[in-house]
């Protein structure tokens, strides 16, 4: 299903969002995104890559607009899910301000409701939509906390020959994280791998879908 509009059908603000978002999202979503964000008191910004988060929502202060920021290096499916995640925070702020939990029942309901039209567009690959539907049963604070969804989404990241998932390298392999810390892979404990930091000699539990760069001994 494809929903497109002629440029003449867009308001100035909708055209702004079309130009801003189209390079980052599936084309079929742009009509809904333009209509939604042009009607909300919010500014959406595309930012540099951040290691600690994919996006965030910042509520308005001193009569300024609310702000949503999204990392520019996300693949289209991760981008749209992150954008809707933050839009759900916007809805919570508009209705409840800071009187509710950040990822409580109100946020979960808003996220499910806002995500539904994009699922109906059938834009997501089979593996992603399957994992996404399971995640939406009880969405968590971050899609990264759901390993099935995280793995399905990462399959659409640009391929790098020198980067692997932690789960795909052999035990005892020495590897580097994107923060330049160096570890040795250990055994799996439930869902996470016990890895040794070679500098401070401490052990840490690391997500199996963490992207790592093996180091030759």
N, C-alpha and C. Protein backbone atom coordinates (compact mmCIF):
# COMPACT_ATOMS: atom_id res chain seq x y z
N UNK A 1 0.85 -1.19 0.00
CA UNK A 1 0.00 0.00 0.00
C UNK A 1 0.88 1.24 0.00
N UNK A 2 0.61 2.18 -0.89
CA UNK A 2 1.44 3.37 -1.00
C UNK A 2 0.57 4.61 -0.96
N UNK A 3 0.91 5.55 -0.08
CA UNK A 3 0.16 6.78 0.04
C UNK A 3 1.10 7.94 -0.24
N UNK A 4 0.91 8.61 -1.35
CA UNK A 4 1.76 9.73 -1.72
C UNK A 4 0.88 10.94 -2.02
N UNK A 5 1.48 12.12 -1.94
CA UNK A 5 0.75 13.34 -2.23
C UNK A 5 1.57 14.19 -3.19
N UNK A 6 0.89 14.97 -3.99
CA UNK A 6 1.55 15.96 -4.81
C UNK A 6 2.07 17.08 -3.92
N UNK A 7 3.19 17.70 -4.30
CA UNK A 7 3.75 18.77 -3.48
C UNK A 7 2.72 19.85 -3.17
N UNK A 8 1.81 20.11 -4.11
CA UNK A 8 0.82 21.15 -3.92
C UNK A 8 -0.17 20.85 -2.82
N UNK A 9 -0.25 19.59 -2.40
CA UNK A 9 -1.19 19.20 -1.35
C UNK A 9 -0.63 19.42 0.04
N UNK A 10 0.64 19.79 0.16
CA UNK A 10 1.28 19.97 1.45
C UNK A 10 1.21 21.43 1.90
N UNK A 11 0.97 21.63 3.19
CA UNK A 11 1.16 22.96 3.77
C UNK A 11 2.66 23.21 3.89
N UNK A 12 3.04 24.44 4.21
CA UNK A 12 4.46 24.76 4.34
C UNK A 12 5.12 23.90 5.42
N UNK A 13 4.43 23.71 6.54
CA UNK A 13 5.01 22.91 7.62
C UNK A 13 5.09 21.44 7.24
N UNK A 14 4.07 20.95 6.54
CA UNK A 14 4.10 19.57 6.07
C UNK A 14 5.24 19.36 5.07
N UNK A 15 5.44 20.35 4.21
CA UNK A 15 6.53 20.26 3.25
C UNK A 15 7.88 20.25 3.96
N UNK A 16 7.99 21.04 5.03
CA UNK A 16 9.21 21.03 5.83
C UNK A 16 9.49 19.63 6.36
N UNK A 17 8.47 18.98 6.91
CA UNK A 17 8.67 17.64 7.47
C UNK A 17 8.92 16.61 6.37
N UNK A 18 8.32 16.82 5.21
CA UNK A 18 8.59 15.91 4.10
C UNK A 18 10.07 15.96 3.72
N UNK A 19 10.59 17.16 3.58
CA UNK A 19 11.99 17.32 3.20
C UNK A 19 12.93 16.83 4.30
N UNK A 20 12.53 17.02 5.55
CA UNK A 20 13.36 16.61 6.68
C UNK A 20 13.42 15.09 6.82
N UNK A 21 12.27 14.43 6.72
CA UNK A 21 12.17 13.01 7.09
C UNK A 21 12.32 12.03 5.94
N UNK A 22 11.99 12.45 4.73
CA UNK A 22 11.96 11.50 3.61
C UNK A 22 13.28 10.76 3.39
N UNK A 23 14.45 11.39 3.60
CA UNK A 23 15.70 10.63 3.41
C UNK A 23 15.91 9.51 4.42
N UNK A 24 15.11 9.48 5.49
CA UNK A 24 15.39 8.56 6.59
C UNK A 24 14.31 7.50 6.82
N UNK A 25 13.14 7.65 6.21
CA UNK A 25 12.03 6.75 6.51
C UNK A 25 11.52 6.10 5.23
N UNK A 26 10.82 4.97 5.34
CA UNK A 26 10.18 4.39 4.16
C UNK A 26 9.21 5.40 3.53
N UNK A 27 9.23 5.49 2.21
CA UNK A 27 8.46 6.51 1.50
C UNK A 27 6.97 6.45 1.82
N UNK A 28 6.46 5.24 2.05
CA UNK A 28 5.03 5.08 2.29
C UNK A 28 4.55 5.75 3.58
N UNK A 29 5.48 6.06 4.48
CA UNK A 29 5.09 6.63 5.77
C UNK A 29 5.01 8.14 5.77
N UNK A 30 5.51 8.78 4.72
CA UNK A 30 5.75 10.22 4.80
C UNK A 30 4.46 11.03 4.92
N UNK A 31 3.39 10.59 4.28
CA UNK A 31 2.11 11.32 4.37
C UNK A 31 1.64 11.39 5.82
N UNK A 32 1.66 10.24 6.51
CA UNK A 32 1.18 10.19 7.89
C UNK A 32 2.09 10.99 8.82
N UNK A 33 3.39 10.90 8.60
CA UNK A 33 4.33 11.62 9.45
C UNK A 33 4.18 13.13 9.29
N UNK A 34 4.05 13.58 8.05
CA UNK A 34 3.89 15.02 7.80
C UNK A 34 2.63 15.56 8.45
N UNK A 35 1.53 14.84 8.28
CA UNK A 35 0.26 15.28 8.86
C UNK A 35 0.34 15.30 10.39
N UNK A 36 0.94 14.27 10.96
CA UNK A 36 1.00 14.18 12.42
C UNK A 36 1.84 15.31 13.01
N UNK A 37 3.09 15.43 12.57
CA UNK A 37 4.00 16.37 13.21
C UNK A 37 3.67 17.83 12.89
N UNK A 38 3.04 18.09 11.76
CA UNK A 38 2.65 19.46 11.44
C UNK A 38 1.51 19.95 12.33
N UNK A 39 0.81 19.03 12.98
CA UNK A 39 -0.32 19.40 13.84
C UNK A 39 0.03 19.38 15.32
N UNK A 40 1.29 19.11 15.65
CA UNK A 40 1.70 19.00 17.05
C UNK A 40 2.69 20.11 17.42
N UNK A 41 2.67 20.56 18.68
CA UNK A 41 3.62 21.59 19.12
C UNK A 41 4.99 20.99 19.40
N UNK A 42 5.69 20.63 18.34
CA UNK A 42 6.96 19.93 18.50
C UNK A 42 7.88 20.26 17.33
N UNK A 43 9.16 20.24 17.60
CA UNK A 43 10.19 20.38 16.57
C UNK A 43 10.97 19.08 16.51
N UNK A 44 11.10 18.52 15.31
CA UNK A 44 11.88 17.29 15.13
C UNK A 44 13.24 17.66 14.54
N UNK A 45 14.29 17.15 15.15
CA UNK A 45 15.65 17.41 14.67
C UNK A 45 16.37 16.09 14.41
N UNK A 46 17.15 16.06 13.34
CA UNK A 46 17.99 14.91 13.03
C UNK A 46 19.39 15.23 13.54
N UNK A 47 19.96 14.34 14.33
CA UNK A 47 21.23 14.62 14.99
C UNK A 47 22.32 13.64 14.56
N UNK A 48 23.52 13.94 14.98
CA UNK A 48 24.64 13.02 14.80
C UNK A 48 24.38 11.74 15.58
N UNK A 49 25.14 10.71 15.27
CA UNK A 49 25.03 9.46 16.00
C UNK A 49 25.41 9.64 17.46
N UNK A 50 24.62 9.05 18.36
CA UNK A 50 24.92 9.09 19.79
C UNK A 50 25.02 7.66 20.29
N UNK A 51 26.06 7.36 21.06
CA UNK A 51 26.31 5.99 21.49
C UNK A 51 25.31 5.52 22.55
N UNK A 52 24.74 6.46 23.31
CA UNK A 52 23.91 6.07 24.44
C UNK A 52 22.42 6.03 24.13
N UNK A 53 22.00 6.55 22.97
CA UNK A 53 20.57 6.56 22.66
C UNK A 53 20.35 6.76 21.17
N UNK A 54 19.19 6.27 20.70
CA UNK A 54 18.80 6.45 19.30
C UNK A 54 18.03 7.75 19.10
N UNK A 55 17.30 8.17 20.12
CA UNK A 55 16.50 9.38 20.04
C UNK A 55 16.09 9.81 21.43
N UNK A 56 15.49 11.00 21.51
CA UNK A 56 14.95 11.43 22.80
C UNK A 56 13.85 12.47 22.62
N UNK A 57 13.10 12.68 23.69
CA UNK A 57 12.05 13.70 23.73
C UNK A 57 12.38 14.68 24.85
N UNK A 58 12.31 15.96 24.52
CA UNK A 58 12.57 17.01 25.51
C UNK A 58 11.34 17.90 25.59
N UNK A 59 10.68 17.92 26.75
CA UNK A 59 9.46 18.73 26.88
C UNK A 59 9.76 20.22 26.82
N UNK A 60 8.74 20.98 26.47
CA UNK A 60 8.90 22.43 26.32
C UNK A 60 9.11 23.10 27.66
N UNK A 61 9.95 24.11 27.65
CA UNK A 61 10.19 24.94 28.83
C UNK A 61 10.16 26.40 28.38
N UNK A 62 9.60 27.25 29.21
CA UNK A 62 9.57 28.69 28.91
C UNK A 62 8.92 28.98 27.56
N UNK A 63 7.82 28.27 27.27
CA UNK A 63 7.01 28.49 26.08
C UNK A 63 7.71 28.10 24.77
N UNK A 64 8.84 27.40 24.85
CA UNK A 64 9.48 26.90 23.64
C UNK A 64 8.78 25.63 23.18
N UNK A 65 9.01 25.24 21.92
CA UNK A 65 8.41 24.01 21.41
C UNK A 65 9.02 22.79 22.08
N UNK A 66 8.22 21.74 22.20
CA UNK A 66 8.77 20.44 22.57
C UNK A 66 9.74 20.01 21.47
N UNK A 67 10.67 19.13 21.82
CA UNK A 67 11.68 18.74 20.83
C UNK A 67 11.87 17.23 20.83
N UNK A 68 11.93 16.66 19.63
CA UNK A 68 12.29 15.26 19.42
C UNK A 68 13.57 15.23 18.59
N UNK A 69 14.55 14.47 19.04
CA UNK A 69 15.77 14.30 18.25
C UNK A 69 15.95 12.82 17.92
N UNK A 70 16.41 12.55 16.69
CA UNK A 70 16.62 11.18 16.21
C UNK A 70 18.00 11.10 15.56
N UNK A 71 18.73 10.04 15.85
CA UNK A 71 20.05 9.85 15.24
C UNK A 71 19.93 9.66 13.72
N UNK A 72 20.82 10.28 12.98
CA UNK A 72 20.74 10.25 11.52
C UNK A 72 21.23 8.94 10.91
N UNK A 73 21.93 8.11 11.70
CA UNK A 73 22.55 6.91 11.13
C UNK A 73 21.70 5.65 11.31
N UNK A 74 20.45 5.79 11.74
CA UNK A 74 19.58 4.62 11.90
C UNK A 74 19.07 4.14 10.55
N UNK A 75 18.89 2.83 10.41
CA UNK A 75 18.26 2.34 9.18
C UNK A 75 16.78 2.75 9.18
N UNK A 76 16.10 2.73 8.04
CA UNK A 76 14.73 3.27 7.97
C UNK A 76 13.75 2.64 8.96
N UNK A 77 13.89 1.36 9.24
CA UNK A 77 12.95 0.70 10.15
C UNK A 77 13.23 1.07 11.61
N UNK A 78 14.50 1.15 11.97
CA UNK A 78 14.86 1.61 13.31
C UNK A 78 14.46 3.07 13.49
N UNK A 79 14.62 3.86 12.44
CA UNK A 79 14.31 5.28 12.51
C UNK A 79 12.82 5.49 12.79
N UNK A 80 11.96 4.82 12.04
CA UNK A 80 10.52 5.05 12.20
C UNK A 80 10.04 4.56 13.56
N UNK A 81 10.57 3.44 14.04
CA UNK A 81 10.18 2.93 15.36
C UNK A 81 10.64 3.89 16.46
N UNK A 82 11.86 4.40 16.34
CA UNK A 82 12.37 5.36 17.32
C UNK A 82 11.56 6.65 17.30
N UNK A 83 11.23 7.12 16.10
CA UNK A 83 10.45 8.36 15.97
C UNK A 83 9.08 8.22 16.62
N UNK A 84 8.42 7.09 16.42
CA UNK A 84 7.11 6.87 17.02
C UNK A 84 7.24 6.68 18.53
N UNK A 85 8.31 6.04 18.97
CA UNK A 85 8.59 5.92 20.41
C UNK A 85 8.61 7.31 21.06
N UNK A 86 9.31 8.24 20.43
CA UNK A 86 9.42 9.59 21.00
C UNK A 86 8.10 10.35 20.85
N UNK A 87 7.37 10.11 19.77
CA UNK A 87 6.06 10.75 19.61
C UNK A 87 5.10 10.31 20.71
N UNK A 88 5.24 9.07 21.17
CA UNK A 88 4.40 8.60 22.28
C UNK A 88 4.73 9.38 23.56
N UNK A 89 6.00 9.74 23.75
CA UNK A 89 6.36 10.59 24.88
C UNK A 89 5.73 11.98 24.74
N UNK A 90 5.71 12.49 23.52
CA UNK A 90 5.06 13.78 23.27
C UNK A 90 3.59 13.74 23.67
N UNK A 91 2.88 12.69 23.26
CA UNK A 91 1.46 12.56 23.59
C UNK A 91 1.26 12.51 25.11
N UNK A 92 2.13 11.79 25.79
CA UNK A 92 2.02 11.70 27.25
C UNK A 92 2.24 13.07 27.89
N UNK A 93 3.22 13.80 27.38
CA UNK A 93 3.50 15.12 27.95
C UNK A 93 2.33 16.08 27.72
N UNK A 94 1.75 16.05 26.53
CA UNK A 94 0.64 16.95 26.22
C UNK A 94 -0.58 16.67 27.10
N UNK A 95 -0.78 15.41 27.46
CA UNK A 95 -1.97 15.04 28.23
C UNK A 95 -1.73 15.02 29.74
N UNK A 96 -0.51 14.66 30.14
CA UNK A 96 -0.27 14.41 31.57
C UNK A 96 0.90 15.20 32.15
N UNK A 97 1.67 15.91 31.30
CA UNK A 97 2.90 16.56 31.74
C UNK A 97 3.80 15.54 32.45
N UNK A 98 4.33 15.87 33.62
CA UNK A 98 5.26 14.95 34.29
C UNK A 98 4.59 14.20 35.45
N UNK A 99 3.30 13.97 35.34
CA UNK A 99 2.55 13.33 36.42
C UNK A 99 2.51 11.81 36.29
N UNK A 100 3.13 11.26 35.25
CA UNK A 100 3.10 9.81 35.03
C UNK A 100 4.53 9.29 34.85
N UNK A 101 4.68 7.97 34.89
CA UNK A 101 5.98 7.35 34.68
C UNK A 101 6.37 7.47 33.20
N UNK A 102 7.67 7.66 32.92
CA UNK A 102 8.11 7.86 31.53
C UNK A 102 7.69 6.74 30.57
N UNK A 103 7.74 5.49 31.03
CA UNK A 103 7.36 4.36 30.18
C UNK A 103 6.28 3.51 30.86
N UNK A 104 5.34 4.21 31.47
CA UNK A 104 4.24 3.55 32.15
C UNK A 104 3.13 3.15 31.19
N UNK A 105 1.97 2.83 31.75
CA UNK A 105 0.86 2.31 30.94
C UNK A 105 0.38 3.32 29.91
N UNK A 106 0.45 4.62 30.24
CA UNK A 106 0.00 5.63 29.28
C UNK A 106 0.92 5.68 28.07
N UNK A 107 2.23 5.62 28.32
CA UNK A 107 3.17 5.62 27.20
C UNK A 107 3.00 4.36 26.35
N UNK A 108 2.86 3.21 27.00
CA UNK A 108 2.69 1.95 26.26
C UNK A 108 1.47 2.02 25.34
N UNK A 109 0.37 2.56 25.86
CA UNK A 109 -0.85 2.65 25.06
C UNK A 109 -0.67 3.61 23.89
N UNK A 110 -0.04 4.75 24.14
CA UNK A 110 0.20 5.71 23.06
C UNK A 110 1.11 5.13 21.99
N UNK A 111 2.15 4.43 22.42
CA UNK A 111 3.08 3.85 21.45
C UNK A 111 2.38 2.82 20.57
N UNK A 112 1.58 1.95 21.18
CA UNK A 112 0.84 0.95 20.41
C UNK A 112 -0.11 1.62 19.42
N UNK A 113 -0.83 2.64 19.89
CA UNK A 113 -1.81 3.32 19.04
C UNK A 113 -1.14 4.04 17.87
N UNK A 114 -0.04 4.73 18.14
CA UNK A 114 0.66 5.47 17.09
C UNK A 114 1.36 4.54 16.11
N UNK A 115 1.78 3.37 16.57
CA UNK A 115 2.52 2.43 15.72
C UNK A 115 1.60 1.67 14.77
N UNK A 116 0.34 1.51 15.16
CA UNK A 116 -0.59 0.67 14.40
C UNK A 116 -0.72 1.05 12.92
N UNK A 117 -0.90 2.34 12.58
CA UNK A 117 -1.04 2.68 11.15
C UNK A 117 0.17 2.29 10.31
N UNK A 118 1.36 2.35 10.90
CA UNK A 118 2.57 2.05 10.15
C UNK A 118 2.73 0.54 9.94
N UNK A 119 2.24 -0.24 10.90
CA UNK A 119 2.23 -1.69 10.71
C UNK A 119 1.25 -2.06 9.60
N UNK A 120 0.10 -1.38 9.57
CA UNK A 120 -0.91 -1.66 8.54
C UNK A 120 -0.43 -1.29 7.14
N UNK A 121 0.55 -0.39 7.04
CA UNK A 121 1.10 -0.03 5.73
C UNK A 121 1.92 -1.16 5.11
N UNK A 122 2.26 -2.15 5.93
CA UNK A 122 3.05 -3.31 5.47
C UNK A 122 4.40 -2.88 4.90
N UNK A 123 5.05 -1.96 5.61
CA UNK A 123 6.36 -1.48 5.18
C UNK A 123 7.50 -2.29 5.77
N UNK A 124 7.23 -3.01 6.86
CA UNK A 124 8.29 -3.71 7.56
C UNK A 124 8.53 -5.10 6.97
N UNK A 125 9.79 -5.52 6.87
CA UNK A 125 10.09 -6.90 6.46
C UNK A 125 9.46 -7.89 7.43
N UNK A 126 9.28 -9.12 6.98
CA UNK A 126 8.57 -10.13 7.76
C UNK A 126 9.20 -10.33 9.14
N UNK A 127 10.53 -10.45 9.20
CA UNK A 127 11.19 -10.69 10.48
C UNK A 127 11.00 -9.52 11.44
N UNK A 128 11.03 -8.30 10.90
CA UNK A 128 10.87 -7.12 11.74
C UNK A 128 9.44 -7.01 12.26
N UNK A 129 8.46 -7.19 11.40
CA UNK A 129 7.07 -7.03 11.85
C UNK A 129 6.69 -8.11 12.85
N UNK A 130 7.23 -9.31 12.69
CA UNK A 130 6.96 -10.38 13.66
C UNK A 130 7.52 -10.02 15.03
N UNK A 131 8.78 -9.57 15.06
CA UNK A 131 9.40 -9.18 16.33
C UNK A 131 8.73 -7.94 16.91
N UNK A 132 8.35 -7.01 16.04
CA UNK A 132 7.71 -5.78 16.49
C UNK A 132 6.35 -6.06 17.13
N UNK A 133 5.58 -6.94 16.52
CA UNK A 133 4.27 -7.29 17.10
C UNK A 133 4.42 -7.94 18.47
N UNK A 134 5.43 -8.77 18.63
CA UNK A 134 5.68 -9.39 19.94
C UNK A 134 6.11 -8.33 20.96
N UNK A 135 6.95 -7.40 20.52
CA UNK A 135 7.41 -6.32 21.40
C UNK A 135 6.25 -5.44 21.85
N UNK A 136 5.29 -5.20 20.96
CA UNK A 136 4.17 -4.31 21.27
C UNK A 136 3.20 -4.88 22.29
N UNK A 137 3.31 -6.17 22.58
CA UNK A 137 2.45 -6.76 23.62
C UNK A 137 2.71 -6.06 24.95
N UNK A 138 3.99 -5.76 25.22
CA UNK A 138 4.36 -5.03 26.43
C UNK A 138 5.65 -4.27 26.17
N UNK A 139 5.58 -3.16 25.41
CA UNK A 139 6.79 -2.45 25.01
C UNK A 139 7.59 -1.93 26.19
N UNK A 140 8.91 -2.02 26.06
CA UNK A 140 9.82 -1.58 27.13
C UNK A 140 10.35 -0.19 26.81
N UNK A 141 11.18 0.32 27.73
CA UNK A 141 11.72 1.67 27.59
C UNK A 141 12.56 1.83 26.34
N UNK A 142 13.17 0.75 25.87
CA UNK A 142 14.01 0.81 24.68
C UNK A 142 13.80 -0.44 23.85
N UNK A 143 13.75 -0.28 22.53
CA UNK A 143 13.65 -1.45 21.66
C UNK A 143 14.89 -2.32 21.77
N UNK A 144 16.01 -1.74 22.24
CA UNK A 144 17.24 -2.50 22.41
C UNK A 144 17.11 -3.57 23.49
N UNK A 145 16.14 -3.41 24.39
CA UNK A 145 15.96 -4.38 25.46
C UNK A 145 15.27 -5.65 24.96
N UNK A 146 14.70 -5.60 23.77
CA UNK A 146 14.06 -6.77 23.17
C UNK A 146 15.04 -7.35 22.14
N UNK A 147 15.66 -8.47 22.47
CA UNK A 147 16.73 -8.99 21.63
C UNK A 147 16.24 -9.44 20.26
N UNK A 148 15.03 -9.99 20.19
CA UNK A 148 14.51 -10.44 18.90
C UNK A 148 14.29 -9.25 17.96
N UNK A 149 13.72 -8.17 18.49
CA UNK A 149 13.49 -6.98 17.67
C UNK A 149 14.82 -6.32 17.31
N UNK A 150 15.72 -6.25 18.26
CA UNK A 150 17.03 -5.64 18.01
C UNK A 150 17.78 -6.39 16.91
N UNK A 151 17.74 -7.72 16.95
CA UNK A 151 18.43 -8.51 15.94
C UNK A 151 17.79 -8.35 14.58
N UNK A 152 16.46 -8.33 14.54
CA UNK A 152 15.75 -8.15 13.27
C UNK A 152 16.07 -6.80 12.65
N UNK A 153 16.14 -5.76 13.47
CA UNK A 153 16.43 -4.42 12.96
C UNK A 153 17.88 -4.28 12.52
N UNK A 154 18.80 -4.87 13.28
CA UNK A 154 20.22 -4.73 12.94
C UNK A 154 20.58 -5.42 11.63
N UNK A 155 19.74 -6.35 11.19
CA UNK A 155 20.00 -7.03 9.92
C UNK A 155 19.96 -6.05 8.74
N UNK A 156 19.38 -4.87 8.96
CA UNK A 156 19.25 -3.88 7.89
C UNK A 156 20.23 -2.72 8.06
N UNK A 157 21.16 -2.86 9.00
CA UNK A 157 22.23 -1.87 9.13
C UNK A 157 23.27 -2.09 8.03
N UNK A 158 24.00 -1.06 7.65
CA UNK A 158 25.07 -1.23 6.66
C UNK A 158 26.07 -2.29 7.13
N UNK A 159 26.52 -3.12 6.20
CA UNK A 159 27.45 -4.20 6.53
C UNK A 159 28.87 -3.65 6.65
N UNK A 160 29.55 -4.04 7.73
CA UNK A 160 30.97 -3.70 7.91
C UNK A 160 31.76 -4.99 8.10
N UNK A 161 32.82 -5.14 7.34
CA UNK A 161 33.59 -6.38 7.37
C UNK A 161 34.32 -6.61 8.68
N UNK A 162 34.59 -5.52 9.43
CA UNK A 162 35.40 -5.66 10.65
C UNK A 162 34.56 -5.66 11.92
N UNK A 163 33.23 -5.62 11.80
CA UNK A 163 32.35 -5.56 12.97
C UNK A 163 31.41 -6.76 12.98
N UNK A 164 31.26 -7.37 14.16
CA UNK A 164 30.42 -8.56 14.32
C UNK A 164 29.54 -8.40 15.55
N UNK A 165 28.51 -9.24 15.65
CA UNK A 165 27.77 -9.34 16.89
C UNK A 165 28.61 -10.15 17.87
N UNK A 166 28.53 -9.80 19.15
CA UNK A 166 29.28 -10.53 20.17
C UNK A 166 28.95 -12.02 20.13
N UNK A 167 27.69 -12.37 19.89
CA UNK A 167 27.28 -13.77 19.89
C UNK A 167 27.91 -14.57 18.76
N UNK A 168 28.44 -13.89 17.74
CA UNK A 168 28.97 -14.58 16.57
C UNK A 168 30.48 -14.82 16.62
N UNK A 169 31.16 -14.31 17.65
CA UNK A 169 32.60 -14.54 17.73
C UNK A 169 32.88 -15.64 18.76
N UNK A 170 33.98 -16.39 18.61
CA UNK A 170 34.26 -17.52 19.51
C UNK A 170 34.54 -17.07 20.95
N UNK A 171 34.30 -17.98 21.88
CA UNK A 171 34.64 -17.73 23.28
C UNK A 171 36.14 -17.48 23.40
N UNK A 172 36.51 -16.61 24.32
CA UNK A 172 37.90 -16.18 24.61
C UNK A 172 38.46 -15.19 23.59
N UNK A 173 37.66 -14.83 22.58
CA UNK A 173 38.12 -13.82 21.62
C UNK A 173 38.27 -12.46 22.32
N UNK A 174 39.33 -11.76 22.00
CA UNK A 174 39.53 -10.40 22.50
C UNK A 174 38.89 -9.43 21.51
N UNK A 175 38.11 -8.49 22.03
CA UNK A 175 37.37 -7.59 21.14
C UNK A 175 37.31 -6.18 21.72
N UNK A 176 36.98 -5.24 20.85
CA UNK A 176 36.86 -3.84 21.24
C UNK A 176 35.42 -3.38 21.04
N UNK A 177 34.89 -2.62 22.01
CA UNK A 177 33.59 -1.99 21.86
C UNK A 177 33.76 -0.64 21.17
N UNK A 178 32.63 0.00 20.82
CA UNK A 178 32.73 1.28 20.12
C UNK A 178 33.22 2.41 21.01
N UNK A 179 33.35 2.15 22.33
CA UNK A 179 33.94 3.15 23.23
C UNK A 179 35.42 2.89 23.47
N UNK A 180 35.99 1.97 22.66
CA UNK A 180 37.42 1.63 22.68
C UNK A 180 37.85 0.79 23.88
N UNK A 181 36.91 0.34 24.69
CA UNK A 181 37.26 -0.56 25.78
C UNK A 181 37.48 -1.97 25.22
N UNK A 182 38.45 -2.68 25.78
CA UNK A 182 38.84 -3.98 25.26
C UNK A 182 38.46 -5.07 26.26
N UNK A 183 37.81 -6.12 25.76
CA UNK A 183 37.32 -7.22 26.59
C UNK A 183 37.75 -8.56 26.01
N UNK A 184 37.59 -9.58 26.85
CA UNK A 184 37.72 -10.96 26.38
C UNK A 184 36.38 -11.64 26.61
N UNK A 185 35.87 -12.27 25.56
CA UNK A 185 34.55 -12.91 25.64
C UNK A 185 34.61 -14.15 26.53
N UNK A 186 33.61 -14.25 27.43
CA UNK A 186 33.51 -15.41 28.30
C UNK A 186 32.25 -16.21 28.02
N UNK A 187 31.78 -16.91 29.04
CA UNK A 187 30.64 -17.80 28.88
C UNK A 187 29.33 -17.01 28.91
N UNK A 188 28.28 -17.63 28.40
CA UNK A 188 26.97 -17.00 28.40
C UNK A 188 26.25 -17.28 29.71
N UNK A 189 25.72 -16.23 30.32
CA UNK A 189 24.94 -16.34 31.54
C UNK A 189 23.51 -15.91 31.23
N UNK A 190 22.63 -16.88 31.12
CA UNK A 190 21.26 -16.62 30.69
C UNK A 190 21.28 -15.95 29.32
N UNK A 191 20.95 -14.66 29.25
CA UNK A 191 20.86 -14.00 27.95
C UNK A 191 22.10 -13.19 27.59
N UNK A 192 23.00 -12.98 28.55
CA UNK A 192 24.15 -12.11 28.34
C UNK A 192 25.47 -12.87 28.46
N UNK A 193 26.52 -12.31 27.86
CA UNK A 193 27.84 -12.92 27.95
C UNK A 193 28.67 -12.24 29.04
N UNK A 194 29.33 -13.08 29.85
CA UNK A 194 30.23 -12.58 30.89
C UNK A 194 31.59 -12.32 30.24
N UNK A 195 31.99 -11.05 30.22
CA UNK A 195 33.22 -10.66 29.52
C UNK A 195 34.16 -9.92 30.48
N UNK A 196 35.45 -10.12 30.28
CA UNK A 196 36.45 -9.52 31.16
C UNK A 196 37.05 -8.27 30.53
N UNK A 197 36.99 -7.17 31.26
CA UNK A 197 37.65 -5.94 30.84
C UNK A 197 39.14 -6.12 31.07
N UNK A 198 39.93 -6.08 30.02
CA UNK A 198 41.35 -6.39 30.13
C UNK A 198 42.16 -5.27 30.80
N UNK A 199 41.56 -4.12 31.01
CA UNK A 199 42.27 -3.03 31.68
C UNK A 199 42.07 -3.08 33.19
N UNK A 200 40.81 -3.16 33.63
CA UNK A 200 40.57 -3.15 35.08
C UNK A 200 40.34 -4.55 35.67
N UNK A 201 40.36 -5.58 34.80
CA UNK A 201 40.25 -6.99 35.19
C UNK A 201 38.88 -7.36 35.78
N UNK A 202 37.90 -6.49 35.63
CA UNK A 202 36.56 -6.77 36.13
C UNK A 202 35.73 -7.46 35.05
N UNK A 203 34.66 -8.15 35.50
CA UNK A 203 33.78 -8.84 34.57
C UNK A 203 32.48 -8.06 34.40
N UNK A 204 31.96 -8.07 33.17
CA UNK A 204 30.73 -7.36 32.85
C UNK A 204 29.84 -8.26 32.00
N UNK A 205 28.53 -8.10 32.15
CA UNK A 205 27.57 -8.82 31.31
C UNK A 205 27.22 -7.95 30.11
N UNK A 206 27.42 -8.50 28.91
CA UNK A 206 27.26 -7.72 27.68
C UNK A 206 26.24 -8.40 26.77
N UNK A 207 25.40 -7.58 26.17
CA UNK A 207 24.35 -8.04 25.26
C UNK A 207 24.97 -8.81 24.09
N UNK A 208 24.43 -9.97 23.74
CA UNK A 208 24.98 -10.76 22.62
C UNK A 208 24.88 -10.05 21.28
N UNK A 209 23.99 -9.05 21.17
CA UNK A 209 23.84 -8.32 19.91
C UNK A 209 24.64 -7.02 19.90
N UNK A 210 25.50 -6.86 20.88
CA UNK A 210 26.40 -5.71 20.89
C UNK A 210 27.38 -5.86 19.73
N UNK A 211 27.60 -4.78 18.99
CA UNK A 211 28.53 -4.82 17.87
C UNK A 211 29.96 -4.66 18.39
N UNK A 212 30.82 -5.59 18.00
CA UNK A 212 32.20 -5.61 18.51
C UNK A 212 33.17 -5.76 17.35
N UNK A 213 34.40 -5.36 17.61
CA UNK A 213 35.47 -5.50 16.62
C UNK A 213 36.54 -6.43 17.18
N UNK A 214 36.64 -7.66 16.66
CA UNK A 214 37.67 -8.59 17.15
C UNK A 214 39.07 -8.04 16.94
N UNK A 215 39.95 -8.35 17.90
CA UNK A 215 41.34 -7.90 17.84
C UNK A 215 42.23 -9.12 17.70
N UNK A 216 43.10 -9.10 16.72
CA UNK A 216 44.04 -10.21 16.52
C UNK A 216 45.10 -10.20 17.60
N UNK A 217 45.35 -11.37 18.18
CA UNK A 217 46.39 -11.48 19.21
C UNK A 217 47.78 -11.41 18.58
